[in-house]
């Protein structure tokens, strides 16, 4: 699911991401990640971080709900071509 958020995301500066985070635990994780990247000489001005939206999954239907769900649900299943179609029920 994290990959779906990433695919919907956009490149943002460290400050833009900091300004968009409203959760203390997420901010702590983000600060540790930035510290790690800088310690390993990653230039975040040349290669900005891709920040995706927060997504909510309905565990019963196994589909995204809420904001961005229409776009996110498109990534749950691939569009296969005949004869390489994967059946809905196996």
C-alpha atoms as a PDB file:
ATOM      1  CA  UNK A   1       0.000   0.000   0.000  1.00  0.00           C
ATOM      2  CA  UNK A   2       2.903   2.330   0.601  1.00  0.00           C
ATOM      3  CA  UNK A   3       3.833   1.866  -3.020  1.00  0.00           C
ATOM      4  CA  UNK A   4       0.376   3.079  -4.082  1.00  0.00           C
ATOM      5  CA  UNK A   5       0.816   6.272  -2.068  1.00  0.00           C
ATOM      6  CA  UNK A   6       4.275   6.737  -3.595  1.00  0.00           C
ATOM      7  CA  UNK A   7       2.894   6.318  -7.122  1.00  0.00           C
ATOM      8  CA  UNK A   8       0.315   9.042  -6.415  1.00  0.00           C
ATOM      9  CA  UNK A   9       2.917  11.304  -4.830  1.00  0.00           C
ATOM     10  CA  UNK A  10       4.966  14.215  -6.019  1.00  0.00           C
ATOM     11  CA  UNK A  11       8.482  15.415  -5.336  1.00  0.00           C
ATOM     12  CA  UNK A  12       8.619  17.910  -2.477  1.00  0.00           C
ATOM     13  CA  UNK A  13      11.289  19.783  -0.551  1.00  0.00           C
ATOM     14  CA  UNK A  14      12.049  18.863   3.053  1.00  0.00           C
ATOM     15  CA  UNK A  15      10.335  22.042   4.266  1.00  0.00           C
ATOM     16  CA  UNK A  16       7.212  21.406   2.182  1.00  0.00           C
ATOM     17  CA  UNK A  17       6.932  17.935   3.683  1.00  0.00           C
ATOM     18  CA  UNK A  18       7.546  19.203   7.227  1.00  0.00           C
ATOM     19  CA  UNK A  19       4.773  21.760   6.756  1.00  0.00           C
ATOM     20  CA  UNK A  20       2.355  19.056   5.599  1.00  0.00           C
ATOM     21  CA  UNK A  21       2.943  16.624   8.497  1.00  0.00           C
ATOM     22  CA  UNK A  22       0.526  16.971  11.410  1.00  0.00           C
ATOM     23  CA  UNK A  23       1.410  13.795  13.317  1.00  0.00           C
ATOM     24  CA  UNK A  24       4.206  13.739  15.934  1.00  0.00           C
ATOM     25  CA  UNK A  25       5.194  10.105  15.263  1.00  0.00           C
ATOM     26  CA  UNK A  26       5.326  10.682  11.520  1.00  0.00           C
ATOM     27  CA  UNK A  27       7.379  13.860  12.042  1.00  0.00           C
ATOM     28  CA  UNK A  28       9.852  11.941  14.220  1.00  0.00           C
ATOM     29  CA  UNK A  29      10.231   9.228  11.559  1.00  0.00           C
ATOM     30  CA  UNK A  30      10.614  11.814   8.820  1.00  0.00           C
ATOM     31  CA  UNK A  31      13.317  13.723  10.752  1.00  0.00           C
ATOM     32  CA  UNK A  32      15.250  10.491  11.347  1.00  0.00           C
ATOM     33  CA  UNK A  33      15.008   9.618   7.642  1.00  0.00           C
ATOM     34  CA  UNK A  34      16.287  13.071   6.606  1.00  0.00           C
ATOM     35  CA  UNK A  35      19.139  12.794   9.109  1.00  0.00           C
ATOM     36  CA  UNK A  36      20.058   9.367   7.698  1.00  0.00           C
ATOM     37  CA  UNK A  37      19.953  10.608   4.090  1.00  0.00           C
ATOM     38  CA  UNK A  38      22.122  13.627   4.891  1.00  0.00           C
ATOM     39  CA  UNK A  39      24.606  11.455   6.818  1.00  0.00           C
ATOM     40  CA  UNK A  40      24.935   9.405   3.638  1.00  0.00           C
ATOM     41  CA  UNK A  41      25.487  12.548   1.561  1.00  0.00           C
ATOM     42  CA  UNK A  42      22.189  12.451  -0.313  1.00  0.00           C
ATOM     43  CA  UNK A  43      21.542  15.919  -1.732  1.00  0.00           C
ATOM     44  CA  UNK A  44      17.837  16.474  -1.142  1.00  0.00           C
ATOM     45  CA  UNK A  45      17.902  19.630  -3.260  1.00  0.00           C
ATOM     46  CA  UNK A  46      19.029  17.654  -6.318  1.00  0.00           C
ATOM     47  CA  UNK A  47      16.862  14.616  -5.574  1.00  0.00           C
ATOM     48  CA  UNK A  48      13.766  15.683  -3.617  1.00  0.00           C
ATOM     49  CA  UNK A  49      11.712  13.190  -1.629  1.00  0.00           C
ATOM     50  CA  UNK A  50       8.519  11.857  -3.183  1.00  0.00           C
ATOM     51  CA  UNK A  51       5.647  12.391  -0.754  1.00  0.00           C
ATOM     52  CA  UNK A  52       2.382  10.580  -1.349  1.00  0.00           C
ATOM     53  CA  UNK A  53      -1.013  11.195   0.218  1.00  0.00           C
ATOM     54  CA  UNK A  54      -2.229   9.489   3.387  1.00  0.00           C
ATOM     55  CA  UNK A  55      -4.548   6.697   2.252  1.00  0.00           C
ATOM     56  CA  UNK A  56      -7.236   4.789   4.149  1.00  0.00           C
ATOM     57  CA  UNK A  57      -7.962   1.132   3.418  1.00  0.00           C
ATOM     58  CA  UNK A  58     -11.272  -0.594   4.182  1.00  0.00           C
ATOM     59  CA  UNK A  59     -10.168  -4.006   5.534  1.00  0.00           C
ATOM     60  CA  UNK A  60     -13.483  -5.660   4.616  1.00  0.00           C
ATOM     61  CA  UNK A  61     -13.532  -4.694   0.938  1.00  0.00           C
ATOM     62  CA  UNK A  62      -9.729  -4.375   0.650  1.00  0.00           C
ATOM     63  CA  UNK A  63     -10.183  -1.117  -1.256  1.00  0.00           C
ATOM     64  CA  UNK A  64      -9.115   2.429  -0.537  1.00  0.00           C
ATOM     65  CA  UNK A  65     -11.760   4.814   0.789  1.00  0.00           C
ATOM     66  CA  UNK A  66     -11.854   8.559   1.278  1.00  0.00           C
ATOM     67  CA  UNK A  67      -9.745  11.209  -0.379  1.00  0.00           C
ATOM     68  CA  UNK A  68      -7.613   9.978  -3.314  1.00  0.00           C
ATOM     69  CA  UNK A  69      -9.356   6.575  -3.214  1.00  0.00           C
ATOM     70  CA  UNK A  70     -10.513   6.777  -6.832  1.00  0.00           C
ATOM     71  CA  UNK A  71      -6.913   7.147  -8.015  1.00  0.00           C
ATOM     72  CA  UNK A  72      -5.444   4.726  -5.465  1.00  0.00           C
ATOM     73  CA  UNK A  73      -7.863   1.907  -6.298  1.00  0.00           C
ATOM     74  CA  UNK A  74      -6.652   1.960  -9.895  1.00  0.00           C
ATOM     75  CA  UNK A  75      -3.351   0.497  -8.638  1.00  0.00           C
ATOM     76  CA  UNK A  76      -4.898  -2.452  -6.799  1.00  0.00           C
ATOM     77  CA  UNK A  77      -5.242  -4.600  -9.891  1.00  0.00           C
ATOM     78  CA  UNK A  78      -3.396  -4.589 -13.170  1.00  0.00           C
ATOM     79  CA  UNK A  79      -5.086  -4.455 -16.542  1.00  0.00           C
ATOM     80  CA  UNK A  80      -4.116  -7.761 -18.106  1.00  0.00           C
ATOM     81  CA  UNK A  81      -4.303  -8.668 -21.772  1.00  0.00           C
ATOM     82  CA  UNK A  82      -5.616 -11.926 -23.154  1.00  0.00           C
ATOM     83  CA  UNK A  83      -4.615 -14.710 -22.693  1.00  0.00           C
ATOM     84  CA  UNK A  84      -2.642 -13.604 -19.613  1.00  0.00           C
ATOM     85  CA  UNK A  85      -5.697 -12.672 -17.515  1.00  0.00           C
ATOM     86  CA  UNK A  86      -5.641 -13.513 -13.818  1.00  0.00           C
ATOM     87  CA  UNK A  87      -9.095 -14.663 -12.666  1.00  0.00           C
ATOM     88  CA  UNK A  88     -10.896 -12.771  -9.886  1.00  0.00           C
ATOM     89  CA  UNK A  89     -11.432 -16.021  -7.988  1.00  0.00           C
ATOM     90  CA  UNK A  90      -8.776 -18.695  -7.955  1.00  0.00           C
END
